[in-house]
PDB file of N, CA and C in Angstrom:
ATOM      1  N   UNK A   1      54.497  28.711 -75.873  1.00  0.00           N
ATOM      2  CA  UNK A   1      53.960  29.105 -74.596  1.00  0.00           C
ATOM      3  C   UNK A   1      54.319  28.305 -73.572  1.00  0.00           C
ATOM      4  N   UNK A   2      54.834  28.381 -72.488  1.00  0.00           N
ATOM      5  CA  UNK A   2      54.910  27.438 -72.093  1.00  0.00           C
ATOM      6  C   UNK A   2      54.171  27.517 -70.474  1.00  0.00           C
ATOM      7  N   UNK A   3      53.840  26.479 -69.368  1.00  0.00           N
ATOM      8  CA  UNK A   3      53.347  26.745 -68.467  1.00  0.00           C
ATOM      9  C   UNK A   3      53.529  28.048 -67.209  1.00  0.00           C
ATOM     10  N   UNK A   4      52.824  28.724 -66.426  1.00  0.00           N
ATOM     11  CA  UNK A   4      53.433  29.944 -65.869  1.00  0.00           C
ATOM     12  C   UNK A   4      53.230  29.391 -64.490  1.00  0.00           C
ATOM     13  N   UNK A   5      54.032  29.813 -64.080  1.00  0.00           N
ATOM     14  CA  UNK A   5      54.459  30.549 -62.836  1.00  0.00           C
ATOM     15  C   UNK A   5      53.206  31.108 -61.916  1.00  0.00           C
ATOM     16  N   UNK A   6      53.167  30.477 -60.634  1.00  0.00           N
ATOM     17  CA  UNK A   6      52.003  31.660 -60.297  1.00  0.00           C
ATOM     18  C   UNK A   6      52.023  33.345 -59.901  1.00  0.00           C
ATOM     19  N   UNK A   7      53.086  33.456 -60.039  1.00  0.00           N
ATOM     20  CA  UNK A   7      53.228  35.050 -59.846  1.00  0.00           C
ATOM     21  C   UNK A   7      53.360  35.214 -61.519  1.00  0.00           C
ATOM     22  N   UNK A   8      53.616  34.366 -62.512  1.00  0.00           N
ATOM     23  CA  UNK A   8      53.568  35.136 -63.956  1.00  0.00           C
ATOM     24  C   UNK A   8      52.172  35.137 -64.487  1.00  0.00           C
ATOM     25  N   UNK A   9      51.524  34.522 -63.546  1.00  0.00           N
ATOM     26  CA  UNK A   9      50.420  34.483 -64.081  1.00  0.00           C
ATOM     27  C   UNK A   9      49.487  35.080 -63.592  1.00  0.00           C
ATOM     28  N   UNK A  10      49.501  35.898 -62.272  1.00  0.00           N
ATOM     29  CA  UNK A  10      49.007  36.983 -61.781  1.00  0.00           C
ATOM     30  C   UNK A  10      49.368  38.036 -62.312  1.00  0.00           C
ATOM     31  N   UNK A  11      50.945  38.452 -62.812  1.00  0.00           N
ATOM     32  CA  UNK A  11      51.231  39.935 -63.400  1.00  0.00           C
ATOM     33  C   UNK A  11      50.604  39.896 -64.653  1.00  0.00           C
ATOM     34  N   UNK A  12      50.300  38.803 -65.718  1.00  0.00           N
ATOM     35  CA  UNK A  12      49.787  38.648 -67.091  1.00  0.00           C
ATOM     36  C   UNK A  12      48.261  39.447 -66.649  1.00  0.00           C
ATOM     37  N   UNK A  13      47.298  38.444 -65.575  1.00  0.00           N
ATOM     38  CA  UNK A  13      46.413  38.907 -65.294  1.00  0.00           C
ATOM     39  C   UNK A  13      45.956  40.508 -64.960  1.00  0.00           C
ATOM     40  N   UNK A  14      46.976  40.756 -63.986  1.00  0.00           N
ATOM     41  CA  UNK A  14      46.885  41.774 -63.685  1.00  0.00           C
ATOM     42  C   UNK A  14      46.638  43.625 -65.235  1.00  0.00           C
ATOM     43  N   UNK A  15      48.122  42.318 -66.066  1.00  0.00           N
ATOM     44  CA  UNK A  15      48.198  43.741 -67.097  1.00  0.00           C
ATOM     45  C   UNK A  15      46.880  43.275 -67.475  1.00  0.00           C
ATOM     46  N   UNK A  16      46.855  42.586 -68.230  1.00  0.00           N
ATOM     47  CA  UNK A  16      44.904  42.441 -68.705  1.00  0.00           C
ATOM     48  C   UNK A  16      44.043  43.300 -68.549  1.00  0.00           C
ATOM     49  N   UNK A  17      44.014  42.736 -66.649  1.00  0.00           N
ATOM     50  CA  UNK A  17      43.071  43.910 -66.887  1.00  0.00           C
ATOM     51  C   UNK A  17      43.356  45.249 -66.536  1.00  0.00           C
ATOM     52  N   UNK A  18      44.998  45.950 -66.549  1.00  0.00           N
ATOM     53  CA  UNK A  18      45.118  47.344 -66.263  1.00  0.00           C
ATOM     54  C   UNK A  18      44.386  47.696 -67.771  1.00  0.00           C
ATOM     55  N   UNK A  19      44.850  46.301 -68.974  1.00  0.00           N
ATOM     56  CA  UNK A  19      44.633  47.387 -70.329  1.00  0.00           C
ATOM     57  C   UNK A  19      43.072  47.120 -71.100  1.00  0.00           C
ATOM     58  N   UNK A  20      42.239  46.566 -69.988  1.00  0.00           N
ATOM     59  CA  UNK A  20      40.594  46.504 -70.407  1.00  0.00           C
ATOM     60  C   UNK A  20      40.463  47.469 -71.161  1.00  0.00           C
ATOM     61  N   UNK A  21      39.545  47.268 -71.956  1.00  0.00           N
ATOM     62  CA  UNK A  21      38.753  48.977 -72.452  1.00  0.00           C
ATOM     63  C   UNK A  21      40.127  49.761 -73.328  1.00  0.00           C
ATOM     64  N   UNK A  22      41.252  49.115 -73.522  1.00  0.00           N
ATOM     65  CA  UNK A  22      42.568  49.402 -74.464  1.00  0.00           C
ATOM     66  C   UNK A  22      42.664  49.048 -75.478  1.00  0.00           C
ATOM     67  N   UNK A  23      43.037  49.028 -76.783  1.00  0.00           N
ATOM     68  CA  UNK A  23      43.429  49.003 -77.902  1.00  0.00           C
ATOM     69  C   UNK A  23      44.692  47.620 -77.409  1.00  0.00           C
ATOM     70  N   UNK A  24      45.059  46.656 -77.892  1.00  0.00           N
ATOM     71  CA  UNK A  24      45.984  45.877 -77.575  1.00  0.00           C
ATOM     72  C   UNK A  24      45.974  44.421 -78.596  1.00  0.00           C
ATOM     73  N   UNK A  25      46.860  44.299 -78.707  1.00  0.00           N
ATOM     74  CA  UNK A  25      47.434  43.152 -79.790  1.00  0.00           C
ATOM     75  C   UNK A  25      48.029  42.105 -79.299  1.00  0.00           C
ATOM     76  N   UNK A  26      47.487  40.954 -79.037  1.00  0.00           N
ATOM     77  CA  UNK A  26      48.326  39.780 -78.707  1.00  0.00           C
ATOM     78  C   UNK A  26      48.256  38.457 -79.228  1.00  0.00           C
ATOM     79  N   UNK A  27      49.256  38.244 -79.842  1.00  0.00           N
ATOM     80  CA  UNK A  27      49.406  36.938 -80.754  1.00  0.00           C
ATOM     81  C   UNK A  27      50.064  35.988 -80.270  1.00  0.00           C
ATOM     82  N   UNK A  28      49.506  34.314 -80.665  1.00  0.00           N
ATOM     83  CA  UNK A  28      49.096  33.251 -79.575  1.00  0.00           C
ATOM     84  C   UNK A  28      49.309  31.759 -81.336  1.00  0.00           C
ATOM     85  N   UNK A  29      49.966  31.241 -80.602  1.00  0.00           N
ATOM     86  CA  UNK A  29      50.034  29.818 -81.609  1.00  0.00           C
ATOM     87  C   UNK A  29      49.516  29.067 -81.357  1.00  0.00           C
ATOM     88  N   UNK A  30      48.808  29.201 -80.299  1.00  0.00           N
ATOM     89  CA  UNK A  30      48.139  28.530 -79.637  1.00  0.00           C
ATOM     90  C   UNK A  30      46.061  29.001 -79.497  1.00  0.00           C
ATOM     91  N   UNK A  31      45.408  28.215 -79.847  1.00  0.00           N
ATOM     92  CA  UNK A  31      43.796  27.789 -79.414  1.00  0.00           C
ATOM     93  C   UNK A  31      43.495  29.013 -77.729  1.00  0.00           C
ATOM     94  N   UNK A  32      43.101  30.194 -78.209  1.00  0.00           N
ATOM     95  CA  UNK A  32      42.045  29.636 -76.313  1.00  0.00           C
ATOM     96  C   UNK A  32      42.113  28.539 -75.342  1.00  0.00           C
ATOM     97  N   UNK A  33      41.471  27.895 -75.784  1.00  0.00           N
ATOM     98  CA  UNK A  33      40.878  26.701 -74.937  1.00  0.00           C
ATOM     99  C   UNK A  33      42.364  25.495 -75.061  1.00  0.00           C
ATOM    100  N   UNK A  34      44.017  26.206 -75.309  1.00  0.00           N
ATOM    101  CA  UNK A  34      44.981  26.222 -75.171  1.00  0.00           C
ATOM    102  C   UNK A  34      45.914  25.946 -74.037  1.00  0.00           C
ATOM    103  N   UNK A  35      45.020  27.709 -74.017  1.00  0.00           N
ATOM    104  CA  UNK A  35      45.890  28.158 -72.716  1.00  0.00           C
ATOM    105  C   UNK A  35      45.567  27.754 -70.845  1.00  0.00           C
ATOM    106  N   UNK A  36      44.598  27.017 -71.114  1.00  0.00           N
ATOM    107  CA  UNK A  36      44.053  26.736 -69.360  1.00  0.00           C
ATOM    108  C   UNK A  36      45.241  26.048 -69.022  1.00  0.00           C
ATOM    109  N   UNK A  37      45.382  25.134 -69.858  1.00  0.00           N
ATOM    110  CA  UNK A  37      46.063  24.275 -68.645  1.00  0.00           C
ATOM    111  C   UNK A  37      47.877  25.267 -68.189  1.00  0.00           C
ATOM    112  N   UNK A  38      48.150  26.461 -68.776  1.00  0.00           N
ATOM    113  CA  UNK A  38      48.887  26.708 -68.704  1.00  0.00           C
ATOM    114  C   UNK A  38      49.572  27.357 -67.695  1.00  0.00           C
ATOM    115  N   UNK A  39      48.200  27.556 -66.666  1.00  0.00           N
ATOM    116  CA  UNK A  39      47.768  28.511 -65.339  1.00  0.00           C
ATOM    117  C   UNK A  39      47.609  27.846 -64.444  1.00  0.00           C
ATOM    118  N   UNK A  40      48.303  28.090 -63.229  1.00  0.00           N
ATOM    119  CA  UNK A  40      48.299  27.134 -62.277  1.00  0.00           C
ATOM    120  C   UNK A  40      46.941  27.231 -61.610  1.00  0.00           C
ATOM    121  N   UNK A  41      46.479  28.312 -61.689  1.00  0.00           N
ATOM    122  CA  UNK A  41      45.000  28.399 -60.996  1.00  0.00           C
ATOM    123  C   UNK A  41      44.053  28.616 -61.859  1.00  0.00           C
ATOM    124  N   UNK A  42      43.232  27.717 -62.078  1.00  0.00           N
ATOM    125  CA  UNK A  42      42.107  27.497 -63.054  1.00  0.00           C
ATOM    126  C   UNK A  42      40.927  28.807 -63.109  1.00  0.00           C
ATOM    127  N   UNK A  43      41.001  29.468 -61.667  1.00  0.00           N
ATOM    128  CA  UNK A  43      40.141  30.351 -62.050  1.00  0.00           C
ATOM    129  C   UNK A  43      40.560  31.959 -62.601  1.00  0.00           C
ATOM    130  N   UNK A  44      42.206  32.533 -62.140  1.00  0.00           N
ATOM    131  CA  UNK A  44      42.703  32.774 -63.001  1.00  0.00           C
ATOM    132  C   UNK A  44      42.566  32.835 -64.315  1.00  0.00           C
ATOM    133  N   UNK A  45      43.049  31.662 -64.819  1.00  0.00           N
ATOM    134  CA  UNK A  45      42.928  31.445 -66.184  1.00  0.00           C
ATOM    135  C   UNK A  45      41.169  32.040 -66.759  1.00  0.00           C
ATOM    136  N   UNK A  46      40.414  31.493 -66.337  1.00  0.00           N
ATOM    137  CA  UNK A  46      39.053  31.615 -66.800  1.00  0.00           C
ATOM    138  C   UNK A  46      38.762  32.949 -67.138  1.00  0.00           C
ATOM    139  N   UNK A  47      39.303  33.857 -65.574  1.00  0.00           N
ATOM    140  CA  UNK A  47      38.927  35.240 -65.815  1.00  0.00           C
ATOM    141  C   UNK A  47      39.955  35.836 -67.065  1.00  0.00           C
ATOM    142  N   UNK A  48      40.621  35.209 -66.852  1.00  0.00           N
ATOM    143  CA  UNK A  48      41.902  36.391 -67.898  1.00  0.00           C
ATOM    144  C   UNK A  48      41.007  36.167 -69.458  1.00  0.00           C
ATOM    145  N   UNK A  49      40.831  34.862 -70.023  1.00  0.00           N
ATOM    146  CA  UNK A  49      40.248  34.212 -70.915  1.00  0.00           C
ATOM    147  C   UNK A  49      39.294  35.140 -71.205  1.00  0.00           C
ATOM    148  N   UNK A  50      38.569  34.922 -70.084  1.00  0.00           N
ATOM    149  CA  UNK A  50      36.499  35.784 -70.189  1.00  0.00           C
ATOM    150  C   UNK A  50      36.942  37.233 -70.758  1.00  0.00           C
ATOM    151  N   UNK A  51      38.164  37.944 -70.130  1.00  0.00           N
ATOM    152  CA  UNK A  51      38.671  39.065 -70.965  1.00  0.00           C
ATOM    153  C   UNK A  51      38.757  39.326 -72.080  1.00  0.00           C
ATOM    154  N   UNK A  52      39.891  38.808 -72.582  1.00  0.00           N
ATOM    155  CA  UNK A  52      40.205  38.809 -73.394  1.00  0.00           C
ATOM    156  C   UNK A  52      39.617  38.444 -74.592  1.00  0.00           C
ATOM    157  N   UNK A  53      38.252  37.275 -74.366  1.00  0.00           N
ATOM    158  CA  UNK A  53      37.856  36.922 -75.492  1.00  0.00           C
ATOM    159  C   UNK A  53      36.844  37.443 -75.640  1.00  0.00           C
ATOM    160  N   UNK A  54      36.066  37.815 -74.902  1.00  0.00           N
ATOM    161  CA  UNK A  54      34.338  38.900 -74.846  1.00  0.00           C
ATOM    162  C   UNK A  54      34.992  39.912 -75.332  1.00  0.00           C
ATOM    163  N   UNK A  55      35.487  40.577 -75.478  1.00  0.00           N
ATOM    164  CA  UNK A  55      35.871  41.691 -76.156  1.00  0.00           C
ATOM    165  C   UNK A  55      36.798  42.163 -77.368  1.00  0.00           C
ATOM    166  N   UNK A  56      37.921  40.934 -77.657  1.00  0.00           N
ATOM    167  CA  UNK A  56      38.028  40.943 -78.961  1.00  0.00           C
ATOM    168  C   UNK A  56      37.453  40.555 -79.907  1.00  0.00           C
ATOM    169  N   UNK A  57      38.403  41.426 -81.581  1.00  0.00           N
ATOM    170  CA  UNK A  57      38.463  40.617 -82.728  1.00  0.00           C
ATOM    171  C   UNK A  57      39.228  39.519 -82.543  1.00  0.00           C
ATOM    172  N   UNK A  58      38.993  38.872 -83.332  1.00  0.00           N
ATOM    173  CA  UNK A  58      40.281  37.339 -83.522  1.00  0.00           C
ATOM    174  C   UNK A  58      40.225  37.286 -85.056  1.00  0.00           C
ATOM    175  N   UNK A  59      41.424  37.059 -85.418  1.00  0.00           N
ATOM    176  CA  UNK A  59      42.202  36.698 -86.565  1.00  0.00           C
ATOM    177  C   UNK A  59      42.688  35.551 -86.686  1.00  0.00           C
ATOM    178  N   UNK A  60      42.191  34.546 -87.661  1.00  0.00           N
ATOM    179  CA  UNK A  60      42.497  33.408 -87.535  1.00  0.00           C
ATOM    180  C   UNK A  60      43.402  33.524 -88.737  1.00  0.00           C
ATOM    181  N   UNK A  61      44.987  33.028 -88.530  1.00  0.00           N
ATOM    182  CA  UNK A  61      45.359  32.867 -90.128  1.00  0.00           C
ATOM    183  C   UNK A  61      46.000  31.410 -89.973  1.00  0.00           C
ATOM    184  N   UNK A  62      45.819  30.677 -91.314  1.00  0.00           N
ATOM    185  CA  UNK A  62      46.849  29.303 -91.642  1.00  0.00           C
ATOM    186  C   UNK A  62      47.564  29.842 -93.050  1.00  0.00           C
ATOM    187  N   UNK A  63      48.745  28.663 -92.681  1.00  0.00           N
ATOM    188  CA  UNK A  63      50.007  28.852 -93.658  1.00  0.00           C
ATOM    189  C   UNK A  63      51.219  28.123 -93.395  1.00  0.00           C
ATOM    190  N   UNK A  64      51.934  28.519 -94.402  1.00  0.00           N
ATOM    191  CA  UNK A  64      53.516  27.925 -93.790  1.00  0.00           C
ATOM    192  C   UNK A  64      53.748  29.190 -93.014  1.00  0.00           C
ATOM    193  N   UNK A  65      54.623  28.357 -92.017  1.00  0.00           N
ATOM    194  CA  UNK A  65      55.573  29.390 -91.396  1.00  0.00           C
ATOM    195  C   UNK A  65      56.004  29.687 -92.345  1.00  0.00           C
ATOM    196  N   UNK A  66      56.832  31.033 -92.276  1.00  0.00           N
ATOM    197  CA  UNK A  66      57.854  31.913 -92.422  1.00  0.00           C
ATOM    198  C   UNK A  66      59.206  31.717 -91.885  1.00  0.00           C
ATOM    199  N   UNK A  67      59.171  31.157 -90.869  1.00  0.00           N
ATOM    200  CA  UNK A  67      60.747  31.075 -90.278  1.00  0.00           C
ATOM    201  C   UNK A  67      61.309  30.409 -90.659  1.00  0.00           C
ATOM    202  N   UNK A  68      61.191  29.331 -91.683  1.00  0.00           N
ATOM    203  CA  UNK A  68      62.564  28.831 -92.441  1.00  0.00           C
ATOM    204  C   UNK A  68      63.108  29.837 -92.781  1.00  0.00           C
ATOM    205  N   UNK A  69      62.243  30.853 -93.886  1.00  0.00           N
ATOM    206  CA  UNK A  69      62.697  31.587 -94.469  1.00  0.00           C
ATOM    207  C   UNK A  69      63.639  32.260 -93.691  1.00  0.00           C
ATOM    208  N   UNK A  70      63.950  32.637 -92.969  1.00  0.00           N
ATOM    209  CA  UNK A  70      64.211  33.796 -92.304  1.00  0.00           C
ATOM    210  C   UNK A  70      65.866  32.872 -91.680  1.00  0.00           C
ATOM    211  N   UNK A  71      66.075  31.894 -91.493  1.00  0.00           N
ATOM    212  CA  UNK A  71      67.365  31.058 -91.028  1.00  0.00           C
ATOM    213  C   UNK A  71      68.479  32.187 -91.392  1.00  0.00           C
ATOM    214  N   UNK A  72      69.494  32.270 -90.344  1.00  0.00           N
ATOM    215  CA  UNK A  72      70.371  32.792 -91.346  1.00  0.00           C
ATOM    216  C   UNK A  72      71.570  32.129 -92.079  1.00  0.00           C
ATOM    217  N   UNK A  73      71.573  32.768 -93.228  1.00  0.00           N
ATOM    218  CA  UNK A  73      72.249  31.715 -94.118  1.00  0.00           C
ATOM    219  C   UNK A  73      71.910  31.525 -95.582  1.00  0.00           C
ATOM    220  N   UNK A  74      70.708  31.594 -94.999  1.00  0.00           N
ATOM    221  CA  UNK A  74      69.822  31.018 -95.800  1.00  0.00           C
ATOM    222  C   UNK A  74      69.184  32.122 -97.672  1.00  0.00           C
ATOM    223  N   UNK A  75      69.521  31.751 -98.227  1.00  0.00           N
ATOM    224  CA  UNK A  75      69.505  32.474 -99.994  1.00  0.00           C
ATOM    225  C   UNK A  75      68.209  32.925 -99.999  1.00  0.00           C
ATOM    226  N   UNK A  76      67.537  33.497-100.268  1.00  0.00           N
ATOM    227  CA  UNK A  76      66.255  33.819-100.364  1.00  0.00           C
ATOM    228  C   UNK A  76      65.810  33.853-101.876  1.00  0.00           C
ATOM    229  N   UNK A  77      64.674  32.801-102.172  1.00  0.00           N
ATOM    230  CA  UNK A  77      63.790  31.978-103.161  1.00  0.00           C
ATOM    231  C   UNK A  77      63.164  32.736-103.782  1.00  0.00           C
ATOM    232  N   UNK A  78      63.633  33.136-105.471  1.00  0.00           N
ATOM    233  CA  UNK A  78      62.715  33.604-105.935  1.00  0.00           C
ATOM    234  C   UNK A  78      61.545  32.696-107.086  1.00  0.00           C
ATOM    235  N   UNK A  79      60.265  34.056-107.483  1.00  0.00           N
ATOM    236  CA  UNK A  79      59.458  33.129-108.259  1.00  0.00           C
ATOM    237  C   UNK A  79      59.921  33.493-109.503  1.00  0.00           C
ATOM    238  N   UNK A  80      60.964  33.844-110.015  1.00  0.00           N
ATOM    239  CA  UNK A  80      61.509  33.920-111.401  1.00  0.00           C
ATOM    240  C   UNK A  80      62.236  32.929-112.245  1.00  0.00           C
ATOM    241  N   UNK A  81      62.018  32.272-112.999  1.00  0.00           N
ATOM    242  CA  UNK A  81      63.160  31.315-113.338  1.00  0.00           C
ATOM    243  C   UNK A  81      64.385  31.691-114.423  1.00  0.00           C
ATOM    244  N   UNK A  82      65.556  30.921-113.772  1.00  0.00           N
ATOM    245  CA  UNK A  82      66.384  31.462-114.542  1.00  0.00           C
ATOM    246  C   UNK A  82      66.149  31.564-116.009  1.00  0.00           C
ATOM    247  N   UNK A  83      67.403  32.792-116.407  1.00  0.00           N
ATOM    248  CA  UNK A  83      66.956  32.876-117.954  1.00  0.00           C
ATOM    249  C   UNK A  83      68.664  32.951-118.468  1.00  0.00           C
ATOM    250  N   UNK A  84      69.747  32.548-117.494  1.00  0.00           N
ATOM    251  CA  UNK A  84      71.166  32.129-118.400  1.00  0.00           C
ATOM    252  C   UNK A  84      71.401  31.568-118.785  1.00  0.00           C
TER     253      UNK A  84
END
């Protein structure tokens, strides 16, 4: 994620507000506390994150990235030893 423009922040705030009380899946590679600097208005950031965090079920995942395995031209590795 990168810093939002004021219009983008307002749009995201409205979207989250409209979805309040409905199912939504949101993913991020940043902790919620790291979102604050992305918003030009700290009041909008606090309100949006308050709505998201206080009504959510959070799942934290740690581990290696799967992106390197998806690069074009990469041969998928196997766990089976070569028997030839």
